[in-house]
Amino acid sequence: MRENRKSKVNEEISADITANSKQYHRPLFIVYDLGYVQNAEEFKRDIENAGNVKVIIVKY
């Protein structure tokens, strides 16, 4: 994730969840962060609350 992309990444993940929810029952998203996610737990919680989704943030 680069600067000013947090909302765009969140939007892209949400779209993937919607598009693939019938095919994949427990999707896993790995986000490679270059230091722009200030609160990783909040970022993960926002996405994981959308359903049976797991998010892993790898910090640079």
N, C-alpha and C. Protein backbone atom coordinates (compact mmCIF):
# COMPACT_ATOMS: atom_id res chain seq x y z
N MET A 1 0.85 -1.17 0.00
CA MET A 1 0.00 0.00 0.00
C MET A 1 0.89 1.22 0.00
N ARG A 2 0.56 2.12 -0.89
CA ARG A 2 1.31 3.37 -0.98
C ARG A 2 0.50 4.51 -0.38
N GLU A 3 1.12 5.65 -0.34
CA GLU A 3 0.51 6.86 0.22
C GLU A 3 -0.83 7.17 -0.47
N ASN A 4 -1.80 7.58 0.32
CA ASN A 4 -3.13 7.99 -0.15
C ASN A 4 -3.89 6.87 -0.86
N ARG A 5 -3.63 5.63 -0.56
CA ARG A 5 -4.31 4.52 -1.20
C ARG A 5 -5.16 3.70 -0.23
N LYS A 6 -5.20 4.09 1.02
CA LYS A 6 -5.91 3.30 2.03
C LYS A 6 -7.37 3.10 1.64
N SER A 7 -8.07 4.15 1.28
CA SER A 7 -9.49 4.01 0.94
C SER A 7 -9.66 3.24 -0.37
N LYS A 8 -8.75 3.41 -1.31
CA LYS A 8 -8.82 2.69 -2.58
C LYS A 8 -8.59 1.20 -2.37
N VAL A 9 -7.63 0.85 -1.53
CA VAL A 9 -7.36 -0.56 -1.24
C VAL A 9 -8.56 -1.18 -0.53
N ASN A 10 -9.12 -0.46 0.41
CA ASN A 10 -10.31 -0.92 1.13
C ASN A 10 -11.46 -1.16 0.14
N GLU A 11 -11.64 -0.26 -0.79
CA GLU A 11 -12.68 -0.37 -1.80
C GLU A 11 -12.45 -1.57 -2.72
N GLU A 12 -11.20 -1.80 -3.12
CA GLU A 12 -10.86 -2.92 -4.00
C GLU A 12 -11.09 -4.26 -3.28
N ILE A 13 -10.72 -4.34 -2.02
CA ILE A 13 -10.93 -5.56 -1.26
C ILE A 13 -12.43 -5.83 -1.10
N SER A 14 -13.19 -4.80 -0.80
CA SER A 14 -14.65 -4.96 -0.67
C SER A 14 -15.27 -5.47 -1.97
N ALA A 15 -14.80 -4.95 -3.10
CA ALA A 15 -15.31 -5.40 -4.39
C ALA A 15 -14.95 -6.87 -4.63
N ASP A 16 -13.74 -7.27 -4.25
CA ASP A 16 -13.33 -8.67 -4.41
C ASP A 16 -14.17 -9.59 -3.53
N ILE A 17 -14.47 -9.14 -2.33
CA ILE A 17 -15.30 -9.94 -1.42
C ILE A 17 -16.67 -10.16 -2.04
N THR A 18 -17.26 -9.10 -2.56
CA THR A 18 -18.59 -9.18 -3.17
C THR A 18 -18.57 -10.08 -4.40
N ALA A 19 -17.57 -9.91 -5.25
CA ALA A 19 -17.51 -10.65 -6.51
C ALA A 19 -17.24 -12.13 -6.31
N ASN A 20 -16.52 -12.48 -5.25
CA ASN A 20 -16.09 -13.86 -5.08
C ASN A 20 -16.70 -14.56 -3.87
N SER A 21 -17.71 -13.97 -3.26
CA SER A 21 -18.24 -14.52 -2.01
C SER A 21 -18.87 -15.91 -2.17
N LYS A 22 -19.40 -16.22 -3.34
CA LYS A 22 -20.00 -17.54 -3.53
C LYS A 22 -18.97 -18.61 -3.85
N GLN A 23 -17.85 -18.20 -4.44
CA GLN A 23 -16.82 -19.16 -4.82
C GLN A 23 -15.86 -19.46 -3.67
N TYR A 24 -15.54 -18.44 -2.89
CA TYR A 24 -14.58 -18.59 -1.79
C TYR A 24 -15.29 -18.29 -0.48
N HIS A 25 -15.21 -19.22 0.45
CA HIS A 25 -15.94 -19.07 1.70
C HIS A 25 -15.16 -18.35 2.79
N ARG A 26 -13.85 -18.35 2.69
CA ARG A 26 -13.02 -17.65 3.69
C ARG A 26 -11.81 -17.03 2.99
N PRO A 27 -12.01 -15.90 2.32
CA PRO A 27 -10.89 -15.28 1.60
C PRO A 27 -9.85 -14.68 2.54
N LEU A 28 -8.63 -14.71 2.07
CA LEU A 28 -7.49 -14.16 2.81
C LEU A 28 -6.88 -13.06 1.96
N PHE A 29 -6.70 -11.88 2.54
CA PHE A 29 -6.08 -10.76 1.87
C PHE A 29 -4.79 -10.41 2.60
N ILE A 30 -3.71 -10.30 1.84
CA ILE A 30 -2.43 -9.89 2.40
C ILE A 30 -2.11 -8.51 1.85
N VAL A 31 -1.94 -7.56 2.75
CA VAL A 31 -1.67 -6.18 2.37
C VAL A 31 -0.22 -5.87 2.74
N TYR A 32 0.57 -5.50 1.76
CA TYR A 32 1.96 -5.12 1.98
C TYR A 32 1.99 -3.61 2.17
N ASP A 33 2.26 -3.20 3.39
CA ASP A 33 2.19 -1.79 3.77
C ASP A 33 3.58 -1.17 3.78
N LEU A 34 3.72 -0.06 3.10
CA LEU A 34 4.99 0.67 3.07
C LEU A 34 5.07 1.72 4.17
N GLY A 35 4.25 1.56 5.20
CA GLY A 35 4.29 2.47 6.34
C GLY A 35 3.17 3.49 6.38
N TYR A 36 2.13 3.30 5.56
CA TYR A 36 1.05 4.28 5.50
C TYR A 36 -0.18 3.90 6.32
N VAL A 37 -0.24 2.67 6.78
CA VAL A 37 -1.35 2.27 7.64
C VAL A 37 -0.94 2.59 9.07
N GLN A 38 -1.56 3.58 9.65
CA GLN A 38 -1.20 4.01 11.00
C GLN A 38 -1.79 3.08 12.06
N ASN A 39 -3.01 2.63 11.85
CA ASN A 39 -3.68 1.77 12.81
C ASN A 39 -4.08 0.48 12.10
N ALA A 40 -3.21 -0.51 12.15
CA ALA A 40 -3.43 -1.77 11.43
C ALA A 40 -4.67 -2.50 11.94
N GLU A 41 -4.89 -2.48 13.24
CA GLU A 41 -6.05 -3.18 13.80
C GLU A 41 -7.36 -2.58 13.30
N GLU A 42 -7.42 -1.27 13.22
CA GLU A 42 -8.62 -0.61 12.71
C GLU A 42 -8.84 -0.93 11.24
N PHE A 43 -7.78 -0.90 10.46
CA PHE A 43 -7.87 -1.21 9.03
C PHE A 43 -8.37 -2.64 8.84
N LYS A 44 -7.80 -3.59 9.57
CA LYS A 44 -8.22 -4.99 9.49
C LYS A 44 -9.66 -5.16 9.93
N ARG A 45 -10.02 -4.54 11.03
CA ARG A 45 -11.37 -4.67 11.59
C ARG A 45 -12.43 -4.19 10.60
N ASP A 46 -12.15 -3.08 9.94
CA ASP A 46 -13.10 -2.53 8.96
C ASP A 46 -13.40 -3.54 7.85
N ILE A 47 -12.40 -4.25 7.40
CA ILE A 47 -12.58 -5.23 6.33
C ILE A 47 -13.14 -6.53 6.86
N GLU A 48 -12.61 -7.02 7.97
CA GLU A 48 -13.03 -8.32 8.50
C GLU A 48 -14.47 -8.31 9.00
N ASN A 49 -14.99 -7.15 9.34
CA ASN A 49 -16.39 -7.06 9.77
C ASN A 49 -17.36 -7.27 8.61
N ALA A 50 -16.85 -7.24 7.39
CA ALA A 50 -17.69 -7.43 6.21
C ALA A 50 -18.14 -8.88 6.03
N GLY A 51 -17.55 -9.78 6.76
CA GLY A 51 -17.93 -11.18 6.61
C GLY A 51 -16.83 -12.10 7.09
N ASN A 52 -16.82 -13.27 6.54
CA ASN A 52 -15.87 -14.30 6.93
C ASN A 52 -14.55 -14.09 6.17
N VAL A 53 -13.86 -13.01 6.50
CA VAL A 53 -12.67 -12.57 5.78
C VAL A 53 -11.51 -12.43 6.76
N LYS A 54 -10.31 -12.75 6.30
CA LYS A 54 -9.11 -12.58 7.11
C LYS A 54 -8.16 -11.64 6.38
N VAL A 55 -7.58 -10.69 7.11
CA VAL A 55 -6.63 -9.73 6.54
C VAL A 55 -5.32 -9.83 7.33
N ILE A 56 -4.24 -9.92 6.59
CA ILE A 56 -2.91 -9.90 7.19
C ILE A 56 -2.18 -8.69 6.62
N ILE A 57 -1.61 -7.87 7.50
CA ILE A 57 -0.86 -6.70 7.05
C ILE A 57 0.62 -6.97 7.30
N VAL A 58 1.38 -6.91 6.23
CA VAL A 58 2.83 -7.10 6.30
C VAL A 58 3.45 -5.71 6.25
N LYS A 59 4.14 -5.35 7.31
CA LYS A 59 4.77 -4.03 7.40
C LYS A 59 6.16 -4.07 6.76
N TYR A 60 6.46 -3.03 6.03
CA TYR A 60 7.77 -2.89 5.39
C TYR A 60 8.79 -2.46 6.41
